Amino acid sequence: MPMKERFFPIPLEQKLTAADGSRLAAPLTPEDAASLEFVPERPCVAPVYVAGVCSSTFDVAWELCKTHDMPPWSAVLAASQTSGRGQLRREWVSPPGNLYVSFFLPPDMGRLENMAPLAVGYCIHCALRDMGITTRLKWPNDLLLCEGGKEGKFGGLLLEERKNRFLAGLGLNLRNAPEEAAMRQNRAVPAVSLSGFNGSAFTFWLELAERMRDAHAREIAGASRDLLRQRVERSLAWVGRPVYAEEPGLHGRLYGLDADGSLLLQTDAGLAAVNSGSISPA
């Protein structure tokens, strides 16, 4: 069996700017490196560029992609973000201490089209499970932490595509959850952080990335679309429970997924597909 290639983290040592002159990322300062517990000698599954404060890890990753080789699982990790973005372009609150990362996907995941966000979420769910962290997927792209019989929003992910390259952005509340005032009024569940976490975003990402790569090889690569759908369904939150789909204004019992990743609700009129928006327990 051939040996897997070894990579090492790369600190961002100079300010990164966009073509219009706007600042994308600040260099990794000694203070940021200390808070992240940055260790340049730690091997990783793919290149990891580590920045201090940045606009968004998405912005930095796309800019680096223009001049650097960014193979699958290559990532940009930041100490904090000033313009993090979440679902429907909502702001993603990004204080220091949490995980803010964007990473390039293997081509087979990008080709899954509308199922791709769920496949990435499932891959993260499996990796977290292998790290001893129990989560469920809240359709379409949130991660709920399940602790002590309670559920709370632990993180979210977003996918972007440019010129057939697919980039996933992931935020996880490792140390801090947003204040209630910063959350949407009609949110489905409260925001939570990982209880008892005393590690760092840097070391957490290195382990998560390795386990994600393994989960991709085990659970996603080579799986038929229907088998993947079944696997993702088993990780969904609230299956069999009454929910409310916000965008169509539809009540029903969460039945599962259809072939393209749409959510299926069992209503009085039969099965109804939900293609976008947010859901919450009814």
C-alpha atoms as a PDB file:
ATOM      1  CA  MET A   1       0.000   0.000   0.000  1.00  0.00           C
ATOM      2  CA  PRO A   2       1.498   3.394  -0.978  1.00  0.00           C
ATOM      3  CA  MET A   3       2.308   5.788   1.845  1.00  0.00           C
ATOM      4  CA  LYS A   4       0.001   8.792   2.224  1.00  0.00           C
ATOM      5  CA  GLU A   5       1.647  12.111   1.449  1.00  0.00           C
ATOM      6  CA  ARG A   6       2.484  14.210   4.492  1.00  0.00           C
ATOM      7  CA  PHE A   7       1.793  17.936   4.700  1.00  0.00           C
ATOM      8  CA  PHE A   8       2.480  20.537   7.359  1.00  0.00           C
ATOM      9  CA  PRO A   9       0.569  23.676   8.398  1.00  0.00           C
ATOM     10  CA  ILE A  10       1.548  26.937   6.709  1.00  0.00           C
ATOM     11  CA  PRO A  11       1.241  30.191   8.697  1.00  0.00           C
ATOM     12  CA  LEU A  12       0.098  33.227   6.753  1.00  0.00           C
ATOM     13  CA  GLU A  13       3.077  35.531   7.214  1.00  0.00           C
ATOM     14  CA  GLN A  14       1.974  38.534   5.128  1.00  0.00           C
ATOM     15  CA  LYS A  15      -1.220  40.519   4.810  1.00  0.00           C
ATOM     16  CA  LEU A  16      -3.452  39.161   2.042  1.00  0.00           C
ATOM     17  CA  THR A  17      -5.436  41.614  -0.062  1.00  0.00           C
ATOM     18  CA  ALA A  18      -7.982  41.267  -2.865  1.00  0.00           C
ATOM     19  CA  ALA A  19      -7.605  42.748  -6.334  1.00  0.00           C
ATOM     20  CA  ASP A  20      -9.566  45.847  -5.241  1.00  0.00           C
ATOM     21  CA  GLY A  21      -7.140  46.427  -2.376  1.00  0.00           C
ATOM     22  CA  SER A  22      -9.472  45.311   0.411  1.00  0.00           C
ATOM     23  CA  ARG A  23      -7.864  43.313   3.191  1.00  0.00           C
ATOM     24  CA  LEU A  24      -8.729  39.632   3.217  1.00  0.00           C
ATOM     25  CA  ALA A  25      -6.547  38.366   6.049  1.00  0.00           C
ATOM     26  CA  ALA A  26      -4.028  39.524   8.595  1.00  0.00           C
ATOM     27  CA  PRO A  27      -0.824  37.580   9.235  1.00  0.00           C
ATOM     28  CA  LEU A  28      -0.812  35.043  12.031  1.00  0.00           C
ATOM     29  CA  THR A  29       0.346  36.992  15.082  1.00  0.00           C
ATOM     30  CA  PRO A  30       2.099  35.388  18.065  1.00  0.00           C
ATOM     31  CA  GLU A  31      -1.072  35.984  20.087  1.00  0.00           C
ATOM     32  CA  ASP A  32      -3.267  34.242  17.493  1.00  0.00           C
ATOM     33  CA  ALA A  33      -0.773  31.390  17.187  1.00  0.00           C
ATOM     34  CA  ALA A  34      -0.835  30.939  20.950  1.00  0.00           C
ATOM     35  CA  SER A  35      -4.649  30.975  21.122  1.00  0.00           C
ATOM     36  CA  LEU A  36      -4.828  28.416  18.303  1.00  0.00           C
ATOM     37  CA  GLU A  37      -1.998  26.355  19.824  1.00  0.00           C
ATOM     38  CA  PHE A  38      -0.416  26.464  16.391  1.00  0.00           C
ATOM     39  CA  VAL A  39       2.343  23.880  15.917  1.00  0.00           C
ATOM     40  CA  PRO A  40       4.019  24.053  12.485  1.00  0.00           C
ATOM     41  CA  GLU A  41       5.546  20.593  12.877  1.00  0.00           C
ATOM     42  CA  ARG A  42       2.159  18.853  13.163  1.00  0.00           C
ATOM     43  CA  PRO A  43       1.527  16.675  10.075  1.00  0.00           C
ATOM     44  CA  CYS A  44      -1.833  17.068   8.348  1.00  0.00           C
ATOM     45  CA  VAL A  45      -3.780  15.359   5.566  1.00  0.00           C
ATOM     46  CA  ALA A  46      -3.532  18.355   3.200  1.00  0.00           C
ATOM     47  CA  PRO A  47      -2.080  21.876   3.249  1.00  0.00           C
ATOM     48  CA  VAL A  48      -3.583  24.077   5.980  1.00  0.00           C
ATOM     49  CA  TYR A  49      -3.054  27.819   5.702  1.00  0.00           C
ATOM     50  CA  VAL A  50      -3.466  29.445   9.108  1.00  0.00           C
ATOM     51  CA  ALA A  51      -4.410  33.129   9.339  1.00  0.00           C
ATOM     52  CA  GLY A  52      -5.114  35.565  12.133  1.00  0.00           C
ATOM     53  CA  VAL A  53      -8.196  37.740  11.656  1.00  0.00           C
ATOM     54  CA  CYS A  54      -9.727  37.455   8.172  1.00  0.00           C
ATOM     55  CA  SER A  55     -12.809  38.689   6.366  1.00  0.00           C
ATOM     56  CA  SER A  56     -13.973  35.146   5.644  1.00  0.00           C
ATOM     57  CA  THR A  57     -12.075  31.906   5.222  1.00  0.00           C
ATOM     58  CA  PHE A  58     -14.024  31.532   1.964  1.00  0.00           C
ATOM     59  CA  ASP A  59     -12.506  34.754   0.619  1.00  0.00           C
ATOM     60  CA  VAL A  60      -8.986  33.747   1.633  1.00  0.00           C
ATOM     61  CA  ALA A  61      -9.278  30.229   0.207  1.00  0.00           C
ATOM     62  CA  TRP A  62     -10.527  31.448  -3.159  1.00  0.00           C
ATOM     63  CA  GLU A  63      -7.725  34.012  -3.326  1.00  0.00           C
ATOM     64  CA  LEU A  64      -5.029  31.472  -2.434  1.00  0.00           C
ATOM     65  CA  CYS A  65      -6.457  29.082  -5.020  1.00  0.00           C
ATOM     66  CA  LYS A  66      -5.363  31.497  -7.753  1.00  0.00           C
ATOM     67  CA  THR A  67      -1.657  31.076  -6.969  1.00  0.00           C
ATOM     68  CA  HIS A  68      -1.299  27.942  -4.819  1.00  0.00           C
ATOM     69  CA  ASP A  69      -1.916  24.249  -5.365  1.00  0.00           C
ATOM     70  CA  MET A  70      -5.005  23.441  -3.307  1.00  0.00           C
ATOM     71  CA  PRO A  71      -5.724  19.698  -3.534  1.00  0.00           C
ATOM     72  CA  PRO A  72      -8.814  18.127  -1.921  1.00  0.00           C
ATOM     73  CA  TRP A  73      -9.028  18.764   1.848  1.00  0.00           C
ATOM     74  CA  SER A  74      -6.697  21.793   1.566  1.00  0.00           C
ATOM     75  CA  ALA A  75      -7.944  24.318   4.079  1.00  0.00           C
ATOM     76  CA  VAL A  76      -7.792  27.864   5.380  1.00  0.00           C
ATOM     77  CA  LEU A  77      -8.167  28.164   9.149  1.00  0.00           C
ATOM     78  CA  ALA A  78      -8.587  31.530  10.876  1.00  0.00           C
ATOM     79  CA  ALA A  79      -8.478  32.700  14.463  1.00  0.00           C
ATOM     80  CA  SER A  80     -11.599  34.812  13.818  1.00  0.00           C
ATOM     81  CA  GLN A  81     -13.646  36.336  10.982  1.00  0.00           C
ATOM     82  CA  THR A  82     -15.069  39.798  10.468  1.00  0.00           C
ATOM     83  CA  SER A  83     -17.488  38.866   7.658  1.00  0.00           C
ATOM     84  CA  GLY A  84     -18.245  35.182   8.130  1.00  0.00           C
ATOM     85  CA  ARG A  85     -21.234  34.032   6.137  1.00  0.00           C
ATOM     86  CA  GLY A  86     -23.836  31.375   6.771  1.00  0.00           C
ATOM     87  CA  GLN A  87     -26.993  30.059   5.147  1.00  0.00           C
ATOM     88  CA  LEU A  88     -28.880  32.564   2.969  1.00  0.00           C
ATOM     89  CA  ARG A  89     -25.887  34.936   3.334  1.00  0.00           C
ATOM     90  CA  ARG A  90     -26.646  35.568   6.976  1.00  0.00           C
ATOM     91  CA  GLU A  91     -23.720  36.796   9.063  1.00  0.00           C
ATOM     92  CA  TRP A  92     -21.848  34.064  10.940  1.00  0.00           C
ATOM     93  CA  VAL A  93     -20.788  35.411  14.355  1.00  0.00           C
ATOM     94  CA  SER A  94     -17.096  34.539  14.637  1.00  0.00           C
ATOM     95  CA  PRO A  95     -15.407  35.308  17.989  1.00  0.00           C
ATOM     96  CA  PRO A  96     -11.980  33.822  18.802  1.00  0.00           C
ATOM     97  CA  GLY A  97     -11.911  30.307  20.244  1.00  0.00           C
ATOM     98  CA  ASN A  98     -14.179  28.552  17.755  1.00  0.00           C
ATOM     99  CA  LEU A  99     -13.459  26.705  14.507  1.00  0.00           C
ATOM    100  CA  TYR A 100     -13.607  28.750  11.301  1.00  0.00           C
ATOM    101  CA  VAL A 101     -12.346  26.847   8.288  1.00  0.00           C
ATOM    102  CA  SER A 102     -12.924  26.484   4.558  1.00  0.00           C
ATOM    103  CA  PHE A 103     -11.712  23.390   2.725  1.00  0.00           C
ATOM    104  CA  PHE A 104     -11.707  22.142  -0.842  1.00  0.00           C
ATOM    105  CA  LEU A 105     -13.841  19.083  -1.550  1.00  0.00           C
ATOM    106  CA  PRO A 106     -12.932  15.961  -3.497  1.00  0.00           C
ATOM    107  CA  PRO A 107     -14.440  16.226  -7.009  1.00  0.00           C
ATOM    108  CA  ASP A 108     -16.907  13.384  -6.416  1.00  0.00           C
ATOM    109  CA  MET A 109     -18.619  15.311  -3.604  1.00  0.00           C
ATOM    110  CA  GLY A 110     -19.053  18.431  -5.700  1.00  0.00           C
ATOM    111  CA  ARG A 111     -20.696  16.401  -8.453  1.00  0.00           C
ATOM    112  CA  LEU A 112     -23.483  15.361  -6.075  1.00  0.00           C
ATOM    113  CA  GLU A 113     -25.282  18.624  -6.939  1.00  0.00           C
ATOM    114  CA  ASN A 114     -28.123  19.349  -4.485  1.00  0.00           C
ATOM    115  CA  MET A 115     -27.129  16.372  -2.342  1.00  0.00           C
ATOM    116  CA  ALA A 116     -23.606  17.781  -1.875  1.00  0.00           C
ATOM    117  CA  PRO A 117     -24.264  19.900   1.272  1.00  0.00           C
ATOM    118  CA  LEU A 118     -25.929  16.936   2.957  1.00  0.00           C
ATOM    119  CA  ALA A 119     -23.086  14.617   1.935  1.00  0.00           C
ATOM    120  CA  VAL A 120     -20.517  17.026   3.391  1.00  0.00           C
ATOM    121  CA  GLY A 121     -22.583  17.394   6.555  1.00  0.00           C
ATOM    122  CA  TYR A 122     -22.836  13.626   6.836  1.00  0.00           C
ATOM    123  CA  CYS A 123     -19.069  13.317   6.402  1.00  0.00           C
ATOM    124  CA  ILE A 124     -18.545  15.820   9.240  1.00  0.00           C
ATOM    125  CA  HIS A 125     -21.163  14.019  11.362  1.00  0.00           C
ATOM    126  CA  CYS A 126     -19.295  10.709  10.928  1.00  0.00           C
ATOM    127  CA  ALA A 127     -15.945  12.333  11.716  1.00  0.00           C
ATOM    128  CA  LEU A 128     -17.318  13.945  14.885  1.00  0.00           C
ATOM    129  CA  ARG A 129     -18.863  10.621  15.912  1.00  0.00           C
ATOM    130  CA  ASP A 130     -15.447   8.997  15.547  1.00  0.00           C
ATOM    131  CA  MET A 131     -14.113  11.720  17.872  1.00  0.00           C
ATOM    132  CA  GLY A 132     -16.758  10.875  20.476  1.00  0.00           C
ATOM    133  CA  ILE A 133     -19.059  13.828  19.685  1.00  0.00           C
ATOM    134  CA  THR A 134     -22.727  13.053  18.988  1.00  0.00           C
ATOM    135  CA  THR A 135     -24.466  15.225  16.409  1.00  0.00           C
ATOM    136  CA  ARG A 136     -27.478  15.162  14.126  1.00  0.00           C
ATOM    137  CA  LEU A 137     -27.922  16.936  10.797  1.00  0.00           C
ATOM    138  CA  LYS A 138     -30.536  19.655  10.727  1.00  0.00           C
ATOM    139  CA  TRP A 139     -31.595  19.896   7.098  1.00  0.00           C
ATOM    140  CA  PRO A 140     -30.183  21.417   5.008  1.00  0.00           C
ATOM    141  CA  ASN A 141     -26.801  22.378   6.494  1.00  0.00           C
ATOM    142  CA  ASP A 142     -26.670  22.735  10.287  1.00  0.00           C
ATOM    143  CA  LEU A 143     -25.110  20.463  12.904  1.00  0.00           C
ATOM    144  CA  LEU A 144     -26.942  19.894  16.171  1.00  0.00           C
ATOM    145  CA  LEU A 145     -24.987  18.837  19.245  1.00  0.00           C
ATOM    146  CA  CYS A 146     -26.746  16.122  21.255  1.00  0.00           C
ATOM    147  CA  GLU A 147     -25.731  16.198  24.916  1.00  0.00           C
ATOM    148  CA  GLY A 148     -27.674  15.296  28.031  1.00  0.00           C
ATOM    149  CA  GLY A 149     -30.864  14.616  26.096  1.00  0.00           C
ATOM    150  CA  LYS A 150     -30.851  18.127  24.633  1.00  0.00           C
ATOM    151  CA  GLU A 151     -30.126  19.478  21.152  1.00  0.00           C
ATOM    152  CA  GLY A 152     -28.558  22.786  20.207  1.00  0.00           C
ATOM    153  CA  LYS A 153     -26.999  24.376  17.146  1.00  0.00           C
ATOM    154  CA  PHE A 154     -23.317  23.478  17.286  1.00  0.00           C
ATOM    155  CA  GLY A 155     -22.318  24.614  13.815  1.00  0.00           C
ATOM    156  CA  GLY A 156     -23.160  25.098  10.194  1.00  0.00           C
ATOM    157  CA  LEU A 157     -21.673  24.661   6.766  1.00  0.00           C
ATOM    158  CA  LEU A 158     -21.963  26.355   3.409  1.00  0.00           C
ATOM    159  CA  LEU A 159     -20.807  25.317  -0.077  1.00  0.00           C
ATOM    160  CA  GLU A 160     -19.552  27.540  -2.877  1.00  0.00           C
ATOM    161  CA  GLU A 161     -18.498  26.615  -6.418  1.00  0.00           C
ATOM    162  CA  ARG A 162     -16.240  28.422  -8.875  1.00  0.00           C
ATOM    163  CA  LYS A 163     -14.937  26.986 -12.132  1.00  0.00           C
ATOM    164  CA  ASN A 164     -15.808  23.429 -11.065  1.00  0.00           C
ATOM    165  CA  ARG A 165     -13.942  23.754  -7.742  1.00  0.00           C
ATOM    166  CA  PHE A 166     -16.086  23.166  -4.667  1.00  0.00           C
ATOM    167  CA  LEU A 167     -15.288  24.811  -1.345  1.00  0.00           C
ATOM    168  CA  ALA A 168     -16.988  24.078   1.981  1.00  0.00           C
ATOM    169  CA  GLY A 169     -17.040  26.554   4.844  1.00  0.00           C
ATOM    170  CA  LEU A 170     -17.496  25.159   8.357  1.00  0.00           C
ATOM    171  CA  GLY A 171     -18.027  26.904  11.667  1.00  0.00           C
ATOM    172  CA  LEU A 172     -18.220  25.009  14.956  1.00  0.00           C
ATOM    173  CA  ASN A 173     -18.877  26.507  18.388  1.00  0.00           C
ATOM    174  CA  LEU A 174     -16.028  24.862  20.261  1.00  0.00           C
ATOM    175  CA  ARG A 175     -15.720  27.331  23.138  1.00  0.00           C
ATOM    176  CA  ASN A 176     -18.321  30.052  22.606  1.00  0.00           C
ATOM    177  CA  ALA A 177     -21.913  30.121  21.407  1.00  0.00           C
ATOM    178  CA  PRO A 178     -23.463  33.344  20.072  1.00  0.00           C
ATOM    179  CA  GLU A 179     -25.424  35.442  22.545  1.00  0.00           C
ATOM    180  CA  GLU A 180     -29.189  35.097  22.374  1.00  0.00           C
ATOM    181  CA  ALA A 181     -29.482  38.648  21.021  1.00  0.00           C
ATOM    182  CA  ALA A 182     -27.337  37.700  18.022  1.00  0.00           C
ATOM    183  CA  MET A 183     -29.587  34.804  17.038  1.00  0.00           C
ATOM    184  CA  ARG A 184     -32.638  34.901  14.758  1.00  0.00           C
ATOM    185  CA  GLN A 185     -35.912  35.311  16.628  1.00  0.00           C
ATOM    186  CA  ASN A 186     -37.500  32.348  14.845  1.00  0.00           C
ATOM    187  CA  ARG A 187     -34.502  30.027  15.313  1.00  0.00           C
ATOM    188  CA  ALA A 188     -35.287  26.338  15.613  1.00  0.00           C
ATOM    189  CA  VAL A 189     -32.983  25.559  18.557  1.00  0.00           C
ATOM    190  CA  PRO A 190     -30.639  27.510  20.857  1.00  0.00           C
ATOM    191  CA  ALA A 191     -26.959  27.856  20.010  1.00  0.00           C
ATOM    192  CA  VAL A 192     -24.602  25.746  22.114  1.00  0.00           C
ATOM    193  CA  SER A 193     -20.875  25.131  22.437  1.00  0.00           C
ATOM    194  CA  LEU A 194     -18.944  21.963  23.176  1.00  0.00           C
ATOM    195  CA  SER A 195     -19.117  21.481  26.935  1.00  0.00           C
ATOM    196  CA  GLY A 196     -15.801  20.933  28.661  1.00  0.00           C
ATOM    197  CA  PHE A 197     -13.742  21.668  25.564  1.00  0.00           C
ATOM    198  CA  ASN A 198     -10.236  22.765  26.547  1.00  0.00           C
ATOM    199  CA  GLY A 199      -8.367  22.176  23.291  1.00  0.00           C
ATOM    200  CA  SER A 200      -7.790  24.486  20.341  1.00  0.00           C
ATOM    201  CA  ALA A 201      -9.364  25.016  16.944  1.00  0.00           C
ATOM    202  CA  PHE A 202      -6.080  24.132  15.240  1.00  0.00           C
ATOM    203  CA  THR A 203      -5.618  20.716  16.835  1.00  0.00           C
ATOM    204  CA  PHE A 204      -9.350  20.027  16.560  1.00  0.00           C
ATOM    205  CA  TRP A 205      -9.271  20.692  12.811  1.00  0.00           C
ATOM    206  CA  LEU A 206      -6.267  18.469  12.182  1.00  0.00           C
ATOM    207  CA  GLU A 207      -8.033  15.507  13.765  1.00  0.00           C
ATOM    208  CA  LEU A 208     -11.390  16.332  12.197  1.00  0.00           C
ATOM    209  CA  ALA A 209      -9.874  16.628   8.709  1.00  0.00           C
ATOM    210  CA  GLU A 210      -8.178  13.257   8.960  1.00  0.00           C
ATOM    211  CA  ARG A 211     -11.363  11.597  10.165  1.00  0.00           C
ATOM    212  CA  MET A 212     -13.389  13.338   7.460  1.00  0.00           C
ATOM    213  CA  ARG A 213     -11.070  11.995   4.788  1.00  0.00           C
ATOM    214  CA  ASP A 214     -11.479   8.498   6.235  1.00  0.00           C
ATOM    215  CA  ALA A 215     -15.269   8.906   6.463  1.00  0.00           C
ATOM    216  CA  HIS A 216     -15.400  10.044   2.854  1.00  0.00           C
ATOM    217  CA  ALA A 217     -13.504   6.950   1.706  1.00  0.00           C
ATOM    218  CA  ARG A 218     -15.647   4.666   3.858  1.00  0.00           C
ATOM    219  CA  GLU A 219     -19.124   6.169   3.529  1.00  0.00           C
ATOM    220  CA  ILE A 220     -19.302   8.303   0.386  1.00  0.00           C
ATOM    221  CA  ALA A 221     -16.742   7.364  -2.277  1.00  0.00           C
ATOM    222  CA  GLY A 222     -18.251   4.647  -4.450  1.00  0.00           C
ATOM    223  CA  ALA A 223     -21.656   4.721  -2.737  1.00  0.00           C
ATOM    224  CA  SER A 224     -24.689   4.849  -5.004  1.00  0.00           C
ATOM    225  CA  ARG A 225     -26.890   7.920  -4.783  1.00  0.00           C
ATOM    226  CA  ASP A 226     -29.630   5.873  -3.093  1.00  0.00           C
ATOM    227  CA  LEU A 227     -27.270   4.322  -0.537  1.00  0.00           C
ATOM    228  CA  LEU A 228     -25.887   7.757   0.295  1.00  0.00           C
ATOM    229  CA  ARG A 229     -29.426   9.084   0.689  1.00  0.00           C
ATOM    230  CA  GLN A 230     -30.211   6.287   3.143  1.00  0.00           C
ATOM    231  CA  ARG A 231     -27.065   6.966   5.143  1.00  0.00           C
ATOM    232  CA  VAL A 232     -27.742  10.683   5.329  1.00  0.00           C
ATOM    233  CA  GLU A 233     -31.359  10.040   6.360  1.00  0.00           C
ATOM    234  CA  ARG A 234     -30.189   8.044   9.363  1.00  0.00           C
ATOM    235  CA  SER A 235     -28.226  11.050  10.606  1.00  0.00           C
ATOM    236  CA  LEU A 236     -31.071  13.579  10.219  1.00  0.00           C
ATOM    237  CA  ALA A 237     -32.637  15.281  13.218  1.00  0.00           C
ATOM    238  CA  TRP A 238     -36.377  14.936  13.910  1.00  0.00           C
ATOM    239  CA  VAL A 239     -37.205  12.087  11.525  1.00  0.00           C
ATOM    240  CA  GLY A 240     -40.742  10.919  12.324  1.00  0.00           C
ATOM    241  CA  ARG A 241     -41.504  14.079  14.302  1.00  0.00           C
ATOM    242  CA  PRO A 242     -43.803  17.005  13.426  1.00  0.00           C
ATOM    243  CA  VAL A 243     -41.866  19.921  11.944  1.00  0.00           C
ATOM    244  CA  TYR A 244     -42.580  23.254  10.331  1.00  0.00           C
ATOM    245  CA  ALA A 245     -40.895  24.226   7.038  1.00  0.00           C
ATOM    246  CA  GLU A 246     -40.539  27.989   7.131  1.00  0.00           C
ATOM    247  CA  GLU A 247     -40.242  28.960   3.466  1.00  0.00           C
ATOM    248  CA  PRO A 248     -43.309  27.170   2.071  1.00  0.00           C
ATOM    249  CA  GLY A 249     -45.111  27.581   5.412  1.00  0.00           C
ATOM    250  CA  LEU A 250     -45.788  23.855   5.600  1.00  0.00           C
ATOM    251  CA  HIS A 251     -46.508  21.606   8.581  1.00  0.00           C
ATOM    252  CA  GLY A 252     -45.900  17.872   8.415  1.00  0.00           C
ATOM    253  CA  ARG A 253     -44.105  14.889   9.851  1.00  0.00           C
ATOM    254  CA  LEU A 254     -40.476  14.602   8.710  1.00  0.00           C
ATOM    255  CA  TYR A 255     -40.432  11.555   6.462  1.00  0.00           C
ATOM    256  CA  GLY A 256     -36.933  11.603   4.947  1.00  0.00           C
ATOM    257  CA  LEU A 257     -35.166  12.699   1.767  1.00  0.00           C
ATOM    258  CA  ASP A 258     -35.901  12.288  -1.897  1.00  0.00           C
ATOM    259  CA  ALA A 259     -33.254  11.387  -4.461  1.00  0.00           C
ATOM    260  CA  ASP A 260     -31.985  14.954  -4.950  1.00  0.00           C
ATOM    261  CA  GLY A 261     -31.722  15.789  -1.245  1.00  0.00           C
ATOM    262  CA  SER A 262     -35.039  17.619  -0.874  1.00  0.00           C
ATOM    263  CA  LEU A 263     -36.762  17.132   2.448  1.00  0.00           C
ATOM    264  CA  LEU A 264     -39.943  15.033   2.414  1.00  0.00           C
ATOM    265  CA  LEU A 265     -42.788  15.881   4.777  1.00  0.00           C
ATOM    266  CA  GLN A 266     -45.797  13.672   5.356  1.00  0.00           C
ATOM    267  CA  THR A 267     -48.791  15.998   5.274  1.00  0.00           C
ATOM    268  CA  ASP A 268     -52.543  15.432   5.288  1.00  0.00           C
ATOM    269  CA  ALA A 269     -52.409  15.750   1.494  1.00  0.00           C
ATOM    270  CA  GLY A 270     -49.557  13.245   1.112  1.00  0.00           C
ATOM    271  CA  LEU A 271     -45.781  13.571   0.734  1.00  0.00           C
ATOM    272  CA  ALA A 272     -44.526  17.098   0.007  1.00  0.00           C
ATOM    273  CA  ALA A 273     -40.984  18.033  -1.005  1.00  0.00           C
ATOM    274  CA  VAL A 274     -39.215  21.041   0.544  1.00  0.00           C
ATOM    275  CA  ASN A 275     -36.323  22.352  -1.548  1.00  0.00           C
ATOM    276  CA  SER A 276     -35.014  25.280   0.482  1.00  0.00           C
ATOM    277  CA  GLY A 277     -35.434  27.258   3.653  1.00  0.00           C
ATOM    278  CA  SER A 278     -35.286  26.213   7.286  1.00  0.00           C
ATOM    279  CA  ILE A 279     -37.189  23.766   9.458  1.00  0.00           C
ATOM    280  CA  SER A 280     -38.006  23.638  13.157  1.00  0.00           C
ATOM    281  CA  PRO A 281     -39.831  21.248  15.496  1.00  0.00           C
ATOM    282  CA  ALA A 282     -43.554  21.923  15.466  1.00  0.00           C
END
